Amino acid sequence: MSEGTMQRAAQREVGVPPTPFRQWGRAPREERAPREERAPRAKRLNRVLVRAAAVPMVFLAAACSSSGSDSGSGDGARRTATQGAQDSASPSASPTVQAAAYAELPEACEVLSGKTLGELVPKGTKSAKKGSSSDLSARASCSWSSLDNNGVKGSQFRWLNVSLLRFESDASRGTGEEQAREYYQKQVDDARSVPDAKNTKAEPVSGTGNEATAVRYDLKKKEGAFKQQTVVARVENVVVTLDYNGAGLAGDRTPDADDLVKSAEKAAKEAVTAVAKANGAADGGSAPSASSSPSATTSPGKPASPSASASTSASASESAAKG
């Protein structure tokens, strides 16, 4: 074997390239692709690079478009919210309610005639005592007391009180008539639930305003046996409460409850008539209701407060003290 042959065999065993071209890491000329084949590859590479460069531009354009759209949507949302706030801040039309039918109250101490007073308080027709009020057109009251002293034979005591309360229409509380109706019922309930009252009876009273109820009961006190009558009547937006009680003191006879309630009902009807006349009803009947006139409205006003009523039902013991 020649020296050259032995050298090539040794090179194959140690992995040395058999030719000088392998030594420099290049393929032999005949192993490399022809120039014509390399040109299309370069063109394809250029196209790939151009497309790769175009992709970021597409994403950038989409991002800009999305950003602009979001900005517009945000501006629109802000404009909508601002418009909504402006709409809610704009003043709305003030609510209105039906005007109250009655605007005035009569003089409380003049709602009963001299004849009626002579029957109910025979010894006290001139004892009228006007109740205090900050607004006589909204609330008023008057009371009378009578003591017929018969010496050792005893005496007859009577006490009479008339209370008038007028309600004005108010947007937050309702019409005057609605408020009066509620207060009317409250007065009736209060009269029926007096502590220590006995033989309590309640019955409707006809021909007295829009609605009326008479409540009667007995009340035993150390001064004597008292007979109490309370007549509550409503005429439109005004509530009339009439309290009338009587007792036989110092051994005198107890008055007849039926007679007292008849007198109380008669006086209540007279007081209701006085209210109607004070507001222009010449015949003493109810004035036309505001609810019958669709155009009658009023702005919110200051209604009479039920808690500020001119007077409440007097107890029998207080009545005796007034005597």
Protein backbone atom coordinates (compact mmCIF):
# COMPACT_ATOMS: atom_id res chain seq x y z
CA MET A 1 0.00 0.00 0.00
CA SER A 2 1.30 3.39 -0.94
CA GLU A 3 1.77 6.22 1.51
CA GLY A 4 -1.09 8.21 -0.04
CA THR A 5 -3.49 5.33 0.31
CA MET A 6 -2.59 4.84 3.94
CA GLN A 7 -3.06 8.56 4.67
CA ARG A 8 -6.61 8.58 3.19
CA ALA A 9 -7.53 5.53 5.20
CA ALA A 10 -6.32 7.19 8.38
CA GLN A 11 -8.27 10.34 7.61
CA ARG A 12 -11.55 8.39 7.20
CA GLU A 13 -10.99 6.75 10.53
CA VAL A 14 -10.59 10.06 12.42
CA GLY A 15 -13.38 11.87 10.52
CA VAL A 16 -11.16 14.26 8.57
CA PRO A 17 -12.72 15.50 5.30
CA PRO A 18 -11.26 13.58 2.44
CA THR A 19 -10.94 16.71 0.35
CA PRO A 20 -9.69 20.26 0.98
CA PHE A 21 -13.25 21.65 0.46
CA ARG A 22 -14.53 19.80 3.53
CA GLN A 23 -11.75 21.38 5.56
CA TRP A 24 -13.11 24.90 4.97
CA GLY A 25 -16.73 23.94 5.57
CA ARG A 26 -17.79 24.52 1.97
CA ALA A 27 -19.39 22.06 -0.39
CA PRO A 28 -17.55 21.32 -3.53
CA ARG A 29 -18.52 23.42 -6.51
CA GLU A 30 -20.29 20.54 -8.05
CA GLU A 31 -22.30 20.03 -4.82
CA ARG A 32 -23.54 23.65 -4.62
CA ALA A 33 -26.85 24.62 -6.38
CA PRO A 34 -26.50 26.37 -9.68
CA ARG A 35 -26.96 30.21 -9.77
CA GLU A 36 -30.22 29.87 -11.71
CA GLU A 37 -31.69 27.78 -8.85
CA ARG A 38 -30.52 30.24 -6.16
CA ALA A 39 -32.26 33.26 -7.77
CA PRO A 40 -35.87 32.03 -7.24
CA ARG A 41 -35.03 31.20 -3.65
CA ALA A 42 -33.82 34.77 -3.04
CA LYS A 43 -37.02 36.16 -4.54
CA ARG A 44 -39.15 33.95 -2.33
CA LEU A 45 -37.13 35.06 0.70
CA ASN A 46 -37.68 38.71 -0.21
CA ARG A 47 -41.44 38.17 -0.47
CA VAL A 48 -41.53 36.49 2.94
CA LEU A 49 -39.61 39.37 4.48
CA VAL A 50 -41.95 41.95 2.89
CA ARG A 51 -45.01 40.09 4.21
CA ALA A 52 -43.50 39.79 7.66
CA ALA A 53 -42.86 43.54 7.70
CA ALA A 54 -46.45 44.22 6.59
CA VAL A 55 -48.01 42.29 9.49
CA PRO A 56 -47.00 44.86 12.19
CA MET A 57 -48.41 47.64 9.99
CA VAL A 58 -51.78 45.84 9.84
CA PHE A 59 -51.87 45.41 13.61
CA LEU A 60 -50.87 49.05 14.09
CA ALA A 61 -53.66 50.26 11.79
CA ALA A 62 -56.20 48.06 13.58
CA ALA A 63 -55.04 49.32 16.96
CA CYS A 64 -55.37 52.93 15.84
CA SER A 65 -58.84 52.27 14.46
CA SER A 66 -59.91 50.53 17.67
CA SER A 67 -58.48 53.33 19.78
CA GLY A 68 -60.33 55.93 17.75
CA SER A 69 -63.55 53.95 18.01
CA ASP A 70 -63.17 53.54 21.77
CA SER A 71 -62.46 57.23 22.11
CA GLY A 72 -65.63 58.04 20.21
CA SER A 73 -67.63 55.60 22.29
CA GLY A 74 -66.22 57.11 25.48
CA ASP A 75 -67.08 60.61 24.32
CA GLY A 76 -70.58 59.46 23.40
CA ALA A 77 -71.04 57.80 26.80
CA ARG A 78 -69.82 60.92 28.55
CA ARG A 79 -72.16 63.09 26.49
CA THR A 80 -75.06 60.75 27.28
CA ALA A 81 -74.25 60.80 31.00
CA THR A 82 -73.93 64.58 30.97
CA GLN A 83 -77.22 64.97 29.12
CA GLY A 84 -78.91 62.62 31.59
CA ALA A 85 -77.58 64.65 34.52
CA GLN A 86 -78.81 67.86 32.90
CA ASP A 87 -82.23 66.33 32.27
CA SER A 88 -82.53 65.15 35.87
CA ALA A 89 -81.42 68.56 37.13
CA SER A 90 -83.98 70.41 35.05
CA PRO A 91 -86.99 71.56 37.10
CA SER A 92 -90.07 69.36 36.74
CA ALA A 93 -93.63 70.59 36.79
CA SER A 94 -94.91 71.14 40.34
CA PRO A 95 -97.65 68.68 41.27
CA THR A 96 -101.08 70.13 41.93
CA VAL A 97 -104.05 68.94 43.96
CA GLN A 98 -107.72 69.80 44.04
CA ALA A 99 -108.37 73.05 45.86
CA ALA A 100 -110.10 72.84 49.22
CA ALA A 101 -113.82 73.66 49.09
CA TYR A 102 -113.84 75.88 52.18
CA ALA A 103 -111.34 78.65 52.77
CA GLU A 104 -112.81 80.21 55.93
CA LEU A 105 -114.15 79.30 59.34
CA PRO A 106 -116.96 81.09 61.15
CA GLU A 107 -116.45 82.77 64.49
CA ALA A 108 -116.49 79.79 66.84
CA CYS A 109 -118.39 81.54 69.62
CA GLU A 110 -121.14 82.50 67.17
CA VAL A 111 -121.85 79.17 65.47
CA LEU A 112 -124.72 78.47 67.90
CA SER A 113 -127.81 80.61 68.30
CA GLY A 114 -128.87 82.08 71.61
CA LYS A 115 -131.85 79.73 71.68
CA THR A 116 -129.66 76.65 71.30
CA LEU A 117 -127.28 77.87 73.97
CA GLY A 118 -130.23 78.49 76.29
CA GLU A 119 -131.23 74.85 75.92
CA LEU A 120 -127.79 73.36 76.35
CA VAL A 121 -126.19 75.71 78.89
CA PRO A 122 -129.11 77.63 80.44
CA LYS A 123 -126.97 79.29 83.11
CA GLY A 124 -123.99 79.94 80.87
CA THR A 125 -125.18 81.54 77.64
CA LYS A 126 -122.83 84.47 78.26
CA SER A 127 -119.91 82.40 79.51
CA ALA A 128 -118.37 81.91 76.07
CA LYS A 129 -114.62 81.39 76.21
CA LYS A 130 -112.73 81.53 72.94
CA GLY A 131 -109.88 79.10 72.49
CA SER A 132 -106.45 80.36 71.53
CA SER A 133 -105.38 79.97 67.89
CA SER A 134 -102.57 81.29 65.72
CA ASP A 135 -104.75 81.05 62.61
CA LEU A 136 -108.48 81.50 63.05
CA SER A 137 -109.11 80.56 59.42
CA ALA A 138 -107.66 77.10 60.10
CA ARG A 139 -108.65 76.31 63.69
CA ALA A 140 -111.00 77.81 66.23
CA SER A 141 -112.94 76.79 69.32
CA CYS A 142 -115.29 78.09 71.95
CA SER A 143 -116.63 76.65 75.21
CA TRP A 144 -119.51 77.38 77.58
CA SER A 145 -120.23 76.13 81.09
CA SER A 146 -123.40 76.18 83.14
CA LEU A 147 -124.07 75.44 86.83
CA ASP A 148 -127.64 75.54 88.06
CA ASN A 149 -127.16 75.53 91.82
CA ASN A 150 -130.21 74.44 93.83
CA GLY A 151 -128.55 74.61 97.22
CA VAL A 152 -129.14 71.57 99.40
CA LYS A 153 -131.10 69.98 96.57
CA GLY A 154 -127.95 69.76 94.51
CA SER A 155 -127.09 71.33 91.19
CA GLN A 156 -127.06 70.59 87.50
CA PHE A 157 -123.80 70.98 85.61
CA ARG A 158 -123.41 71.31 81.84
CA TRP A 159 -120.36 71.92 79.71
CA LEU A 160 -120.29 72.53 75.97
CA ASN A 161 -117.34 72.89 73.59
CA VAL A 162 -117.25 73.40 69.82
CA SER A 163 -114.02 72.84 67.91
CA LEU A 164 -113.52 73.68 64.23
CA LEU A 165 -110.56 72.46 62.19
CA ARG A 166 -110.09 73.27 58.51
CA PHE A 167 -107.61 71.48 56.23
CA GLU A 168 -105.93 73.07 53.23
CA SER A 169 -104.97 71.05 50.15
CA ASP A 170 -101.31 70.17 49.99
CA ALA A 171 -99.34 68.32 47.30
CA SER A 172 -97.48 66.18 49.85
CA ARG A 173 -100.47 65.45 52.14
CA GLY A 174 -103.36 65.29 49.72
CA THR A 175 -106.53 67.30 49.30
CA GLY A 176 -108.14 69.11 52.17
CA GLU A 177 -111.10 66.75 52.00
CA GLU A 178 -108.87 63.66 52.25
CA GLN A 179 -107.08 65.05 55.28
CA ALA A 180 -110.38 66.03 56.90
CA ARG A 181 -111.77 62.55 56.34
CA GLU A 182 -108.77 60.98 58.08
CA TYR A 183 -109.00 63.39 61.01
CA TYR A 184 -112.74 62.84 61.29
CA GLN A 185 -112.18 59.10 61.73
CA LYS A 186 -109.42 59.70 64.27
CA GLN A 187 -111.73 61.90 66.35
CA VAL A 188 -114.45 59.24 66.31
CA ASP A 189 -111.96 56.54 67.34
CA ASP A 190 -110.62 58.70 70.17
CA ALA A 191 -114.13 59.35 71.48
CA ARG A 192 -114.86 55.63 71.48
CA SER A 193 -111.71 54.75 73.43
CA VAL A 194 -111.84 57.09 76.45
CA PRO A 195 -110.28 55.40 79.49
CA ASP A 196 -112.74 54.24 82.20
CA ALA A 197 -115.73 55.01 79.96
CA LYS A 198 -118.80 52.80 80.44
CA ASN A 199 -121.72 51.96 78.18
CA THR A 200 -120.00 53.44 75.11
CA LYS A 201 -122.23 53.64 72.04
CA ALA A 202 -121.62 55.11 68.59
CA GLU A 203 -124.23 55.82 65.93
CA PRO A 204 -124.33 57.76 62.68
CA VAL A 205 -126.03 61.14 62.55
CA SER A 206 -127.99 61.97 59.41
CA GLY A 207 -128.43 65.38 57.84
CA THR A 208 -125.22 66.79 59.34
CA GLY A 209 -122.52 67.60 56.81
CA ASN A 210 -121.01 64.92 54.60
CA GLU A 211 -120.74 62.46 57.49
CA ALA A 212 -121.30 62.56 61.23
CA THR A 213 -121.11 60.21 64.21
CA ALA A 214 -122.38 60.57 67.77
CA VAL A 215 -120.49 58.79 70.55
CA ARG A 216 -121.98 58.58 74.04
CA TYR A 217 -120.70 57.04 77.24
CA ASP A 218 -120.92 57.24 81.05
CA LEU A 219 -118.06 58.35 83.24
CA LYS A 220 -118.09 57.96 87.00
CA LYS A 221 -116.12 60.53 89.00
CA LYS A 222 -116.08 61.61 92.61
CA GLU A 223 -118.11 64.70 91.70
CA GLY A 224 -120.88 62.57 90.27
CA ALA A 225 -122.00 60.46 87.32
CA PHE A 226 -121.30 62.28 84.07
CA LYS A 227 -123.05 61.68 80.76
CA GLN A 228 -120.76 62.51 77.84
CA GLN A 229 -121.82 63.14 74.24
CA THR A 230 -119.35 63.76 71.42
CA VAL A 231 -120.61 64.51 67.92
CA VAL A 232 -117.99 64.54 65.18
CA ALA A 233 -119.06 65.89 61.79
CA ARG A 234 -117.22 66.54 58.53
CA VAL A 235 -118.37 69.03 55.95
CA GLU A 236 -116.00 69.08 52.94
CA ASN A 237 -112.55 69.96 54.33
CA VAL A 238 -113.74 71.06 57.79
CA VAL A 239 -114.21 68.86 60.86
CA VAL A 240 -116.55 69.96 63.63
CA THR A 241 -116.18 68.27 67.03
CA LEU A 242 -118.85 69.08 69.61
CA ASP A 243 -118.46 67.87 73.19
CA TYR A 244 -121.39 68.13 75.56
CA ASN A 245 -121.64 66.62 79.01
CA GLY A 246 -123.90 66.91 82.03
CA ALA A 247 -124.06 65.70 85.59
CA GLY A 248 -126.17 66.01 88.69
CA LEU A 249 -123.93 67.19 91.51
CA ALA A 250 -124.40 67.19 95.26
CA GLY A 251 -127.08 64.56 95.13
CA ASP A 252 -129.10 65.97 92.26
CA ARG A 253 -130.47 63.60 89.65
CA THR A 254 -128.36 62.41 86.74
CA PRO A 255 -129.51 63.98 83.47
CA ASP A 256 -131.13 61.80 80.85
CA ALA A 257 -128.56 60.64 78.31
CA ASP A 258 -131.08 60.52 75.44
CA ASP A 259 -132.03 64.15 75.99
CA LEU A 260 -128.39 65.20 76.09
CA VAL A 261 -127.46 63.40 72.86
CA LYS A 262 -130.41 64.92 71.02
CA SER A 263 -129.34 68.38 72.13
CA ALA A 264 -125.74 67.67 71.08
CA GLU A 265 -126.77 66.47 67.61
CA LYS A 266 -128.93 69.55 67.12
CA ALA A 267 -126.04 71.85 68.08
CA ALA A 268 -123.59 70.00 65.81
CA LYS A 269 -125.92 70.40 62.85
CA GLU A 270 -126.19 74.12 63.57
CA ALA A 271 -122.40 74.44 63.72
CA VAL A 272 -122.00 72.66 60.38
CA THR A 273 -124.54 75.03 58.83
CA ALA A 274 -122.55 77.99 60.16
CA VAL A 275 -119.42 76.67 58.45
CA ALA A 276 -121.21 76.38 55.10
CA LYS A 277 -122.68 79.89 55.42
CA ALA A 278 -119.27 81.35 56.20
CA ASN A 279 -118.12 80.06 52.81
CA GLY A 280 -120.99 81.41 50.73
CA ALA A 281 -123.65 78.71 51.00
CA ALA A 282 -126.72 80.92 51.52
CA ASP A 283 -129.03 78.03 52.39
CA GLY A 284 -126.56 76.57 54.87
CA GLY A 285 -125.97 73.48 52.75
CA SER A 286 -122.63 72.19 51.62
CA ALA A 287 -120.78 74.36 49.14
CA PRO A 288 -119.87 72.75 45.79
CA SER A 289 -117.04 70.30 46.34
CA ALA A 290 -113.69 71.15 44.78
CA SER A 291 -113.58 67.61 43.36
CA SER A 292 -116.54 68.47 41.11
CA SER A 293 -114.52 71.21 39.44
CA PRO A 294 -111.69 69.70 37.36
CA SER A 295 -109.98 73.06 36.93
CA ALA A 296 -109.75 73.78 40.64
CA THR A 297 -106.15 73.29 41.65
CA THR A 298 -103.90 74.91 44.15
CA SER A 299 -100.22 75.04 44.84
CA PRO A 300 -98.92 73.33 47.99
CA GLY A 301 -99.90 75.30 51.06
CA LYS A 302 -99.62 74.92 54.81
CA PRO A 303 -102.38 72.63 56.02
CA ALA A 304 -103.85 72.73 59.47
CA SER A 305 -102.13 70.17 61.63
CA PRO A 306 -104.37 67.66 63.37
CA SER A 307 -102.06 67.76 66.37
CA ALA A 308 -102.72 71.49 66.64
CA SER A 309 -106.48 71.14 66.95
CA ALA A 310 -108.14 73.93 68.87
CA SER A 311 -109.40 71.48 71.47
CA THR A 312 -109.89 67.80 72.20
CA SER A 313 -112.71 65.95 73.91
CA ALA A 314 -112.78 67.09 77.49
CA SER A 315 -112.94 64.58 80.27
CA ALA A 316 -115.80 64.69 82.68
CA SER A 317 -113.62 65.64 85.60
CA GLU A 318 -112.21 68.62 83.68
CA SER A 319 -115.72 69.65 82.78
CA ALA A 320 -116.72 69.67 86.41
CA ALA A 321 -113.71 71.81 87.26
CA LYS A 322 -114.76 74.34 84.65
CA GLY A 323 -118.15 74.54 86.31
